[in-house]
Amino acid sequence: MTPEVPPVRIFTVDSLQVKLASNRQELGQLAAQAAADRIRALSGERDFVNIIFASAPSQDEFLEALSLEVGIDWSRVRAFHMDEYIGLPADAPQNFGFYLRQRLFDRVAINEVYYLDGNAPDPDQECLRYSALLDQYPTDIVCLGIGENCHIAFNDPHVADFADPEHVKLVELDLTSREQQVHDGCFTALDEVPTHAMTLTIPALVNAPYLYCMVPASHKAQAVNHTLTDPISEHYPATILRTHPDTTLFIDPDSARIYLENAAH
């Protein structure tokens, strides 16, 4: 196990624990250590650990550090991912399953990975297939981020539903979500970004017992501030994390900037 890296600051907002790291790299290391400790602990209690992973540049440092953690029995881990574009080739660099294969799944001896197929001939049936898998293998851990519009997975404000009856659904992405993909460097222009996606719903994520949320970088500062300070509502979907009994939010000075500036006044 890697040595513990002390966070700069730990505090709570409602039920949400927040860890402010000194930089983006340390954020990834802190989050990976916390998630790895949980995986190792759960592996001592059950045969398999079921984990949902996010796909975004905000997860790069976390996934890199997690892949290097020792003592994880990956042969007892089942992995899922939380969203996927519709109509993007499976081997496109922006494809979320492809992203996770490159950064984690091909680097560890994982037991099984269940992929959302964004090119399935019947997207509605694909949502039902994936929902059935989530029912069959109840989630233990979710590793996620927060979008610029405070989405979690692709639950943008206009489709977010804290009481969603579905596990997986089809959504039309809002403009902010699509623009973020350009800001992140995933696409070179807005017209290249798909307009629709499949996403796990908010209940499918927050009903898991353990959540680890990694949010570095200055373009997420407004989202972090909304998440920590605004009323809990679908208008800022990530605010739901403040109601969860065991979620840790990892931020860095860039993503924490607006929140810390406001808190200082």
C-alpha atoms as a PDB file:
ATOM      1  CA  MET A   1       0.000   0.000   0.000  1.00  0.00           C
ATOM      2  CA  THR A   2       1.312   3.446  -0.860  1.00  0.00           C
ATOM      3  CA  PRO A   3       2.122   5.785   2.056  1.00  0.00           C
ATOM      4  CA  GLU A   4      -0.750   8.008   3.076  1.00  0.00           C
ATOM      5  CA  VAL A   5      -0.513  11.505   1.643  1.00  0.00           C
ATOM      6  CA  PRO A   6      -1.904  13.979   4.169  1.00  0.00           C
ATOM      7  CA  PRO A   7      -4.612  16.235   2.742  1.00  0.00           C
ATOM      8  CA  VAL A   8      -4.278  19.951   3.165  1.00  0.00           C
ATOM      9  CA  ARG A   9      -7.725  20.180   4.717  1.00  0.00           C
ATOM     10  CA  ILE A  10     -10.673  17.940   5.597  1.00  0.00           C
ATOM     11  CA  PHE A  11     -14.155  19.296   6.288  1.00  0.00           C
ATOM     12  CA  THR A  12     -17.778  18.293   5.917  1.00  0.00           C
ATOM     13  CA  VAL A  13     -20.788  19.922   4.284  1.00  0.00           C
ATOM     14  CA  ASP A  14     -23.975  18.283   5.511  1.00  0.00           C
ATOM     15  CA  SER A  15     -23.133  14.547   5.225  1.00  0.00           C
ATOM     16  CA  LEU A  16     -20.459  15.047   2.563  1.00  0.00           C
ATOM     17  CA  GLN A  17     -16.811  14.691   3.545  1.00  0.00           C
ATOM     18  CA  VAL A  18     -14.513  16.950   1.526  1.00  0.00           C
ATOM     19  CA  LYS A  19     -10.767  16.455   1.154  1.00  0.00           C
ATOM     20  CA  LEU A  20      -8.811  19.371  -0.247  1.00  0.00           C
ATOM     21  CA  ALA A  21      -5.479  18.194  -1.657  1.00  0.00           C
ATOM     22  CA  SER A  22      -2.532  20.472  -2.331  1.00  0.00           C
ATOM     23  CA  ASN A  23      -2.522  19.732  -6.078  1.00  0.00           C
ATOM     24  CA  ARG A  24      -4.159  17.600  -8.740  1.00  0.00           C
ATOM     25  CA  GLN A  25      -1.636  14.767  -8.514  1.00  0.00           C
ATOM     26  CA  GLU A  26      -2.076  14.475  -4.774  1.00  0.00           C
ATOM     27  CA  LEU A  27      -5.846  14.503  -5.259  1.00  0.00           C
ATOM     28  CA  GLY A  28      -5.563  11.416  -7.455  1.00  0.00           C
ATOM     29  CA  GLN A  29      -3.304   9.664  -4.968  1.00  0.00           C
ATOM     30  CA  LEU A  30      -5.555  10.443  -2.004  1.00  0.00           C
ATOM     31  CA  ALA A  31      -8.654   9.232  -3.820  1.00  0.00           C
ATOM     32  CA  ALA A  32      -6.954   6.083  -5.092  1.00  0.00           C
ATOM     33  CA  GLN A  33      -5.731   5.189  -1.636  1.00  0.00           C
ATOM     34  CA  ALA A  34      -9.204   5.675  -0.157  1.00  0.00           C
ATOM     35  CA  ALA A  35     -10.888   3.620  -2.871  1.00  0.00           C
ATOM     36  CA  ALA A  36      -8.211   0.921  -2.701  1.00  0.00           C
ATOM     37  CA  ASP A  37      -8.570   0.650   1.060  1.00  0.00           C
ATOM     38  CA  ARG A  38     -12.321   0.167   0.604  1.00  0.00           C
ATOM     39  CA  ILE A  39     -11.856  -2.456  -2.113  1.00  0.00           C
ATOM     40  CA  ARG A  40      -9.413  -4.389   0.065  1.00  0.00           C
ATOM     41  CA  ALA A  41     -11.761  -4.204   3.052  1.00  0.00           C
ATOM     42  CA  LEU A  42     -14.792  -5.349   1.065  1.00  0.00           C
ATOM     43  CA  SER A  43     -12.780  -8.169  -0.488  1.00  0.00           C
ATOM     44  CA  GLY A  44     -12.369  -9.545   3.018  1.00  0.00           C
ATOM     45  CA  GLU A  45     -16.146  -9.642   3.468  1.00  0.00           C
ATOM     46  CA  ARG A  46     -17.480 -10.973   0.155  1.00  0.00           C
ATOM     47  CA  ASP A  47     -16.529 -12.927  -2.942  1.00  0.00           C
ATOM     48  CA  PHE A  48     -16.741 -10.014  -5.392  1.00  0.00           C
ATOM     49  CA  VAL A  49     -16.681  -6.211  -5.263  1.00  0.00           C
ATOM     50  CA  ASN A  50     -18.826  -4.389  -7.842  1.00  0.00           C
ATOM     51  CA  ILE A  51     -17.553  -0.955  -8.889  1.00  0.00           C
ATOM     52  CA  ILE A  52     -18.869   1.735 -11.255  1.00  0.00           C
ATOM     53  CA  PHE A  53     -16.252   4.020 -12.831  1.00  0.00           C
ATOM     54  CA  ALA A  54     -16.505   7.437 -14.490  1.00  0.00           C
ATOM     55  CA  SER A  55     -14.745   8.279 -17.753  1.00  0.00           C
ATOM     56  CA  ALA A  56     -13.287  11.791 -18.008  1.00  0.00           C
ATOM     57  CA  PRO A  57      -9.937  13.586 -17.880  1.00  0.00           C
ATOM     58  CA  SER A  58     -10.776  14.499 -14.274  1.00  0.00           C
ATOM     59  CA  GLN A  59     -10.269  10.824 -13.446  1.00  0.00           C
ATOM     60  CA  ASP A  60      -6.822  10.451 -15.060  1.00  0.00           C
ATOM     61  CA  GLU A  61      -4.673  10.834 -11.950  1.00  0.00           C
ATOM     62  CA  PHE A  62      -7.030   8.753  -9.837  1.00  0.00           C
ATOM     63  CA  LEU A  63      -7.116   5.842 -12.288  1.00  0.00           C
ATOM     64  CA  GLU A  64      -3.356   5.940 -12.769  1.00  0.00           C
ATOM     65  CA  ALA A  65      -2.774   5.784  -9.017  1.00  0.00           C
ATOM     66  CA  LEU A  66      -5.436   3.116  -8.526  1.00  0.00           C
ATOM     67  CA  SER A  67      -3.836   0.899 -11.160  1.00  0.00           C
ATOM     68  CA  LEU A  68      -0.578   1.024  -9.159  1.00  0.00           C
ATOM     69  CA  GLU A  69      -2.112   0.215  -5.775  1.00  0.00           C
ATOM     70  CA  VAL A  70      -0.828  -3.078  -4.373  1.00  0.00           C
ATOM     71  CA  GLY A  71      -2.861  -5.633  -2.496  1.00  0.00           C
ATOM     72  CA  ILE A  72      -6.058  -5.338  -4.563  1.00  0.00           C
ATOM     73  CA  ASP A  73      -7.329  -8.701  -5.761  1.00  0.00           C
ATOM     74  CA  TRP A  74      -8.660  -7.511  -9.101  1.00  0.00           C
ATOM     75  CA  SER A  75      -9.765 -11.053  -9.943  1.00  0.00           C
ATOM     76  CA  ARG A  76     -12.597 -10.428  -7.479  1.00  0.00           C
ATOM     77  CA  VAL A  77     -13.708  -7.107  -8.969  1.00  0.00           C
ATOM     78  CA  ARG A  78     -16.559  -6.605 -11.414  1.00  0.00           C
ATOM     79  CA  ALA A  79     -16.504  -3.245 -13.173  1.00  0.00           C
ATOM     80  CA  PHE A  80     -19.156  -1.104 -14.829  1.00  0.00           C
ATOM     81  CA  HIS A  81     -19.049   2.346 -16.380  1.00  0.00           C
ATOM     82  CA  MET A  82     -21.658   4.987 -15.792  1.00  0.00           C
ATOM     83  CA  ASP A  83     -22.385   6.441 -19.222  1.00  0.00           C
ATOM     84  CA  GLU A  84     -21.665   6.110 -22.934  1.00  0.00           C
ATOM     85  CA  TYR A  85     -22.183   8.170 -26.053  1.00  0.00           C
ATOM     86  CA  ILE A  86     -24.644   6.895 -28.625  1.00  0.00           C
ATOM     87  CA  GLY A  87     -23.194   6.311 -32.080  1.00  0.00           C
ATOM     88  CA  LEU A  88     -19.516   6.834 -31.307  1.00  0.00           C
ATOM     89  CA  PRO A  89     -17.270   4.018 -32.633  1.00  0.00           C
ATOM     90  CA  ALA A  90     -16.202   1.581 -29.922  1.00  0.00           C
ATOM     91  CA  ASP A  91     -12.515   2.252 -30.655  1.00  0.00           C
ATOM     92  CA  ALA A  92     -12.821   6.048 -30.708  1.00  0.00           C
ATOM     93  CA  PRO A  93     -10.542   7.649 -28.096  1.00  0.00           C
ATOM     94  CA  GLN A  94     -13.564   9.530 -26.705  1.00  0.00           C
ATOM     95  CA  ASN A  95     -15.570   6.337 -26.212  1.00  0.00           C
ATOM     96  CA  PHE A  96     -15.939   5.903 -22.451  1.00  0.00           C
ATOM     97  CA  GLY A  97     -15.434   2.148 -22.456  1.00  0.00           C
ATOM     98  CA  PHE A  98     -12.283   2.599 -24.538  1.00  0.00           C
ATOM     99  CA  TYR A  99     -11.048   5.273 -22.125  1.00  0.00           C
ATOM    100  CA  LEU A 100     -11.422   2.949 -19.127  1.00  0.00           C
ATOM    101  CA  ARG A 101      -9.798   0.014 -20.912  1.00  0.00           C
ATOM    102  CA  GLN A 102      -6.748   2.128 -21.647  1.00  0.00           C
ATOM    103  CA  ARG A 103      -6.417   3.684 -18.198  1.00  0.00           C
ATOM    104  CA  LEU A 104      -7.406   0.816 -15.920  1.00  0.00           C
ATOM    105  CA  PHE A 105      -9.040  -2.352 -17.194  1.00  0.00           C
ATOM    106  CA  ASP A 106      -6.159  -3.424 -19.477  1.00  0.00           C
ATOM    107  CA  ARG A 107      -3.625  -2.610 -16.771  1.00  0.00           C
ATOM    108  CA  VAL A 108      -4.946  -4.834 -13.998  1.00  0.00           C
ATOM    109  CA  ALA A 109      -6.054  -8.479 -13.879  1.00  0.00           C
ATOM    110  CA  ILE A 110      -9.717  -7.587 -13.457  1.00  0.00           C
ATOM    111  CA  ASN A 111     -12.328 -10.347 -13.225  1.00  0.00           C
ATOM    112  CA  GLU A 112     -14.971  -8.929 -15.532  1.00  0.00           C
ATOM    113  CA  VAL A 113     -16.004  -5.654 -17.128  1.00  0.00           C
ATOM    114  CA  TYR A 114     -19.559  -4.936 -18.272  1.00  0.00           C
ATOM    115  CA  TYR A 115     -19.691  -2.321 -21.017  1.00  0.00           C
ATOM    116  CA  LEU A 116     -22.535  -0.102 -22.144  1.00  0.00           C
ATOM    117  CA  ASP A 117     -22.823  -0.486 -25.917  1.00  0.00           C
ATOM    118  CA  GLY A 118     -23.456   2.902 -27.460  1.00  0.00           C
ATOM    119  CA  ASN A 119     -23.818   1.252 -30.857  1.00  0.00           C
ATOM    120  CA  ALA A 120     -26.468  -1.280 -29.872  1.00  0.00           C
ATOM    121  CA  PRO A 121     -29.167  -1.541 -32.572  1.00  0.00           C
ATOM    122  CA  ASP A 122     -31.868  -0.922 -29.958  1.00  0.00           C
ATOM    123  CA  PRO A 123     -30.658   1.600 -27.336  1.00  0.00           C
ATOM    124  CA  ASP A 124     -33.741   1.085 -25.175  1.00  0.00           C
ATOM    125  CA  GLN A 125     -33.056  -2.629 -24.972  1.00  0.00           C
ATOM    126  CA  GLU A 126     -29.421  -1.904 -24.181  1.00  0.00           C
ATOM    127  CA  CYS A 127     -30.528   0.218 -21.217  1.00  0.00           C
ATOM    128  CA  LEU A 128     -32.691  -2.669 -20.010  1.00  0.00           C
ATOM    129  CA  ARG A 129     -29.830  -5.147 -20.435  1.00  0.00           C
ATOM    130  CA  TYR A 130     -27.473  -3.008 -18.399  1.00  0.00           C
ATOM    131  CA  SER A 131     -30.137  -2.351 -15.754  1.00  0.00           C
ATOM    132  CA  ALA A 132     -30.556  -6.099 -15.320  1.00  0.00           C
ATOM    133  CA  LEU A 133     -26.810  -6.469 -14.769  1.00  0.00           C
ATOM    134  CA  LEU A 134     -26.881  -3.766 -12.101  1.00  0.00           C
ATOM    135  CA  ASP A 135     -29.717  -5.639 -10.395  1.00  0.00           C
ATOM    136  CA  GLN A 136     -27.802  -8.909 -10.634  1.00  0.00           C
ATOM    137  CA  TYR A 137     -24.581  -7.390  -9.247  1.00  0.00           C
ATOM    138  CA  PRO A 138     -25.510  -4.675  -6.724  1.00  0.00           C
ATOM    139  CA  THR A 139     -23.030  -1.828  -6.674  1.00  0.00           C
ATOM    140  CA  ASP A 140     -20.589  -1.535  -3.778  1.00  0.00           C
ATOM    141  CA  ILE A 141     -18.482   1.456  -4.865  1.00  0.00           C
ATOM    142  CA  VAL A 142     -18.976   4.341  -7.282  1.00  0.00           C
ATOM    143  CA  CYS A 143     -15.993   6.384  -8.514  1.00  0.00           C
ATOM    144  CA  LEU A 144     -17.329   9.527 -10.154  1.00  0.00           C
ATOM    145  CA  GLY A 145     -16.756  13.151 -11.066  1.00  0.00           C
ATOM    146  CA  ILE A 146     -18.883  16.279 -11.397  1.00  0.00           C
ATOM    147  CA  GLY A 147     -19.551  18.092 -14.661  1.00  0.00           C
ATOM    148  CA  GLU A 148     -19.360  21.814 -15.260  1.00  0.00           C
ATOM    149  CA  ASN A 149     -23.155  21.973 -14.975  1.00  0.00           C
ATOM    150  CA  CYS A 150     -23.037  19.816 -11.827  1.00  0.00           C
ATOM    151  CA  HIS A 151     -24.112  16.677 -13.641  1.00  0.00           C
ATOM    152  CA  ILE A 152     -23.163  13.274 -12.270  1.00  0.00           C
ATOM    153  CA  ALA A 153     -22.822  10.711 -15.026  1.00  0.00           C
ATOM    154  CA  PHE A 154     -24.843  12.329 -17.838  1.00  0.00           C
ATOM    155  CA  ASN A 155     -27.680  13.426 -15.569  1.00  0.00           C
ATOM    156  CA  ASP A 156     -27.681  17.016 -16.772  1.00  0.00           C
ATOM    157  CA  PRO A 157     -30.061  19.353 -14.918  1.00  0.00           C
ATOM    158  CA  HIS A 158     -32.842  19.062 -17.505  1.00  0.00           C
ATOM    159  CA  VAL A 159     -32.992  15.245 -17.160  1.00  0.00           C
ATOM    160  CA  ALA A 160     -31.816  14.772 -13.560  1.00  0.00           C
ATOM    161  CA  ASP A 161     -34.308  13.038 -11.286  1.00  0.00           C
ATOM    162  CA  PHE A 162     -33.464  12.218  -7.676  1.00  0.00           C
ATOM    163  CA  ALA A 163     -36.351   9.710  -7.652  1.00  0.00           C
ATOM    164  CA  ASP A 164     -35.744   8.258 -11.110  1.00  0.00           C
ATOM    165  CA  PRO A 165     -37.444   4.850 -11.380  1.00  0.00           C
ATOM    166  CA  GLU A 166     -34.918   3.646 -13.976  1.00  0.00           C
ATOM    167  CA  HIS A 167     -31.345   2.406 -13.533  1.00  0.00           C
ATOM    168  CA  VAL A 168     -30.206   3.386 -17.032  1.00  0.00           C
ATOM    169  CA  LYS A 169     -31.811   5.749 -19.529  1.00  0.00           C
ATOM    170  CA  LEU A 170     -31.311   7.559 -22.817  1.00  0.00           C
ATOM    171  CA  VAL A 171     -30.672  11.298 -22.590  1.00  0.00           C
ATOM    172  CA  GLU A 172     -30.088  14.269 -24.839  1.00  0.00           C
ATOM    173  CA  LEU A 173     -26.982  16.117 -23.661  1.00  0.00           C
ATOM    174  CA  ASP A 174     -27.327  19.789 -22.858  1.00  0.00           C
ATOM    175  CA  LEU A 175     -25.062  22.388 -24.436  1.00  0.00           C
ATOM    176  CA  THR A 176     -22.901  22.876 -21.342  1.00  0.00           C
ATOM    177  CA  SER A 177     -22.221  19.156 -21.160  1.00  0.00           C
ATOM    178  CA  ARG A 178     -21.191  19.031 -24.801  1.00  0.00           C
ATOM    179  CA  GLU A 179     -19.053  22.166 -24.515  1.00  0.00           C
ATOM    180  CA  GLN A 180     -17.259  20.598 -21.546  1.00  0.00           C
ATOM    181  CA  GLN A 181     -16.055  17.792 -23.795  1.00  0.00           C
ATOM    182  CA  VAL A 182     -14.345  20.423 -25.944  1.00  0.00           C
ATOM    183  CA  HIS A 183     -12.922  22.252 -22.901  1.00  0.00           C
ATOM    184  CA  ASP A 184     -11.527  18.916 -21.674  1.00  0.00           C
ATOM    185  CA  GLY A 185      -9.775  18.396 -24.992  1.00  0.00           C
ATOM    186  CA  CYS A 186     -11.752  15.250 -25.801  1.00  0.00           C
ATOM    187  CA  PHE A 187     -13.121  16.786 -29.025  1.00  0.00           C
ATOM    188  CA  THR A 188     -11.720  19.616 -31.111  1.00  0.00           C
ATOM    189  CA  ALA A 189     -15.090  21.202 -31.957  1.00  0.00           C
ATOM    190  CA  LEU A 190     -18.628  21.188 -30.621  1.00  0.00           C
ATOM    191  CA  ASP A 191     -20.120  19.645 -33.750  1.00  0.00           C
ATOM    192  CA  GLU A 192     -17.989  16.543 -33.181  1.00  0.00           C
ATOM    193  CA  VAL A 193     -19.551  15.868 -29.761  1.00  0.00           C
ATOM    194  CA  PRO A 194     -22.461  13.381 -29.827  1.00  0.00           C
ATOM    195  CA  THR A 195     -25.836  14.798 -28.864  1.00  0.00           C
ATOM    196  CA  HIS A 196     -27.211  11.722 -27.080  1.00  0.00           C
ATOM    197  CA  ALA A 197     -25.975   9.197 -24.557  1.00  0.00           C
ATOM    198  CA  MET A 198     -26.934   6.397 -22.219  1.00  0.00           C
ATOM    199  CA  THR A 199     -26.465   7.141 -18.532  1.00  0.00           C
ATOM    200  CA  LEU A 200     -26.915   5.471 -15.204  1.00  0.00           C
ATOM    201  CA  THR A 201     -29.490   7.460 -13.283  1.00  0.00           C
ATOM    202  CA  ILE A 202     -28.896   9.328 -10.053  1.00  0.00           C
ATOM    203  CA  PRO A 203     -30.501   6.641  -7.819  1.00  0.00           C
ATOM    204  CA  ALA A 204     -28.391   3.974  -9.551  1.00  0.00           C
ATOM    205  CA  LEU A 205     -25.313   5.893  -8.410  1.00  0.00           C
ATOM    206  CA  VAL A 206     -26.216   7.231  -4.973  1.00  0.00           C
ATOM    207  CA  ASN A 207     -27.835   4.032  -3.748  1.00  0.00           C
ATOM    208  CA  ALA A 208     -24.372   2.474  -3.626  1.00  0.00           C
ATOM    209  CA  PRO A 209     -22.928   2.414  -0.089  1.00  0.00           C
ATOM    210  CA  TYR A 210     -19.581   4.094  -0.913  1.00  0.00           C
ATOM    211  CA  LEU A 211     -18.914   6.987  -3.307  1.00  0.00           C
ATOM    212  CA  TYR A 212     -15.584   8.606  -4.191  1.00  0.00           C
ATOM    213  CA  CYS A 213     -15.846  11.801  -6.233  1.00  0.00           C
ATOM    214  CA  MET A 214     -12.773  13.327  -7.900  1.00  0.00           C
ATOM    215  CA  VAL A 215     -13.052  16.929  -9.143  1.00  0.00           C
ATOM    216  CA  PRO A 216      -9.814  18.752 -10.032  1.00  0.00           C
ATOM    217  CA  ALA A 217      -9.166  21.806 -12.265  1.00  0.00           C
ATOM    218  CA  SER A 218     -10.229  25.438 -12.427  1.00  0.00           C
ATOM    219  CA  HIS A 219     -13.068  24.935 -14.921  1.00  0.00           C
ATOM    220  CA  LYS A 220     -14.859  22.896 -12.230  1.00  0.00           C
ATOM    221  CA  ALA A 221     -14.634  25.661  -9.589  1.00  0.00           C
ATOM    222  CA  GLN A 222     -18.146  26.955 -10.141  1.00  0.00           C
ATOM    223  CA  ALA A 223     -19.567  23.414 -10.084  1.00  0.00           C
ATOM    224  CA  VAL A 224     -17.796  22.639  -6.813  1.00  0.00           C
ATOM    225  CA  ASN A 225     -19.109  25.838  -5.285  1.00  0.00           C
ATOM    226  CA  HIS A 226     -22.686  25.058  -6.363  1.00  0.00           C
ATOM    227  CA  THR A 227     -22.353  21.496  -5.085  1.00  0.00           C
ATOM    228  CA  LEU A 228     -21.249  22.644  -1.643  1.00  0.00           C
ATOM    229  CA  THR A 229     -23.407  25.735  -1.154  1.00  0.00           C
ATOM    230  CA  ASP A 230     -26.633  25.667  -3.176  1.00  0.00           C
ATOM    231  CA  PRO A 231     -29.922  24.091  -2.080  1.00  0.00           C
ATOM    232  CA  ILE A 232     -30.109  20.373  -2.780  1.00  0.00           C
ATOM    233  CA  SER A 233     -32.064  20.060  -6.019  1.00  0.00           C
ATOM    234  CA  GLU A 234     -31.956  18.667  -9.539  1.00  0.00           C
ATOM    235  CA  HIS A 235     -30.995  22.150 -10.755  1.00  0.00           C
ATOM    236  CA  TYR A 236     -27.506  21.273  -9.465  1.00  0.00           C
ATOM    237  CA  PRO A 237     -27.580  17.455  -9.538  1.00  0.00           C
ATOM    238  CA  ALA A 238     -24.316  16.973  -7.638  1.00  0.00           C
ATOM    239  CA  THR A 239     -25.861  18.554  -4.538  1.00  0.00           C
ATOM    240  CA  ILE A 240     -27.455  15.146  -3.876  1.00  0.00           C
ATOM    241  CA  LEU A 241     -24.020  13.973  -2.738  1.00  0.00           C
ATOM    242  CA  ARG A 242     -24.491  16.038   0.446  1.00  0.00           C
ATOM    243  CA  THR A 243     -27.244  13.648   1.510  1.00  0.00           C
ATOM    244  CA  HIS A 244     -25.247  10.449   1.073  1.00  0.00           C
ATOM    245  CA  PRO A 245     -24.001   8.754   4.255  1.00  0.00           C
ATOM    246  CA  ASP A 246     -20.539   7.812   2.902  1.00  0.00           C
ATOM    247  CA  THR A 247     -19.314  10.023   0.063  1.00  0.00           C
ATOM    248  CA  THR A 248     -15.921  11.699  -0.118  1.00  0.00           C
ATOM    249  CA  LEU A 249     -15.336  14.622  -2.484  1.00  0.00           C
ATOM    250  CA  PHE A 250     -11.702  15.201  -3.482  1.00  0.00           C
ATOM    251  CA  ILE A 251     -10.859  18.700  -4.733  1.00  0.00           C
ATOM    252  CA  ASP A 252      -7.708  20.712  -5.409  1.00  0.00           C
ATOM    253  CA  PRO A 253      -6.955  24.428  -4.976  1.00  0.00           C
ATOM    254  CA  ASP A 254      -8.097  25.170  -8.535  1.00  0.00           C
ATOM    255  CA  SER A 255     -11.489  23.487  -8.251  1.00  0.00           C
ATOM    256  CA  ALA A 256     -11.949  24.792  -4.683  1.00  0.00           C
ATOM    257  CA  ARG A 257     -11.073  28.403  -5.534  1.00  0.00           C
ATOM    258  CA  ILE A 258     -14.539  29.992  -5.660  1.00  0.00           C
ATOM    259  CA  TYR A 259     -15.790  28.073  -2.638  1.00  0.00           C
ATOM    260  CA  LEU A 260     -12.759  29.089  -0.571  1.00  0.00           C
ATOM    261  CA  GLU A 261     -12.964  32.725  -1.715  1.00  0.00           C
ATOM    262  CA  ASN A 262     -16.635  32.908  -0.726  1.00  0.00           C
ATOM    263  CA  ALA A 263     -15.989  31.146   2.574  1.00  0.00           C
ATOM    264  CA  ALA A 264     -13.312  33.690   3.437  1.00  0.00           C
ATOM    265  CA  HIS A 265     -15.768  36.604   3.226  1.00  0.00           C
END
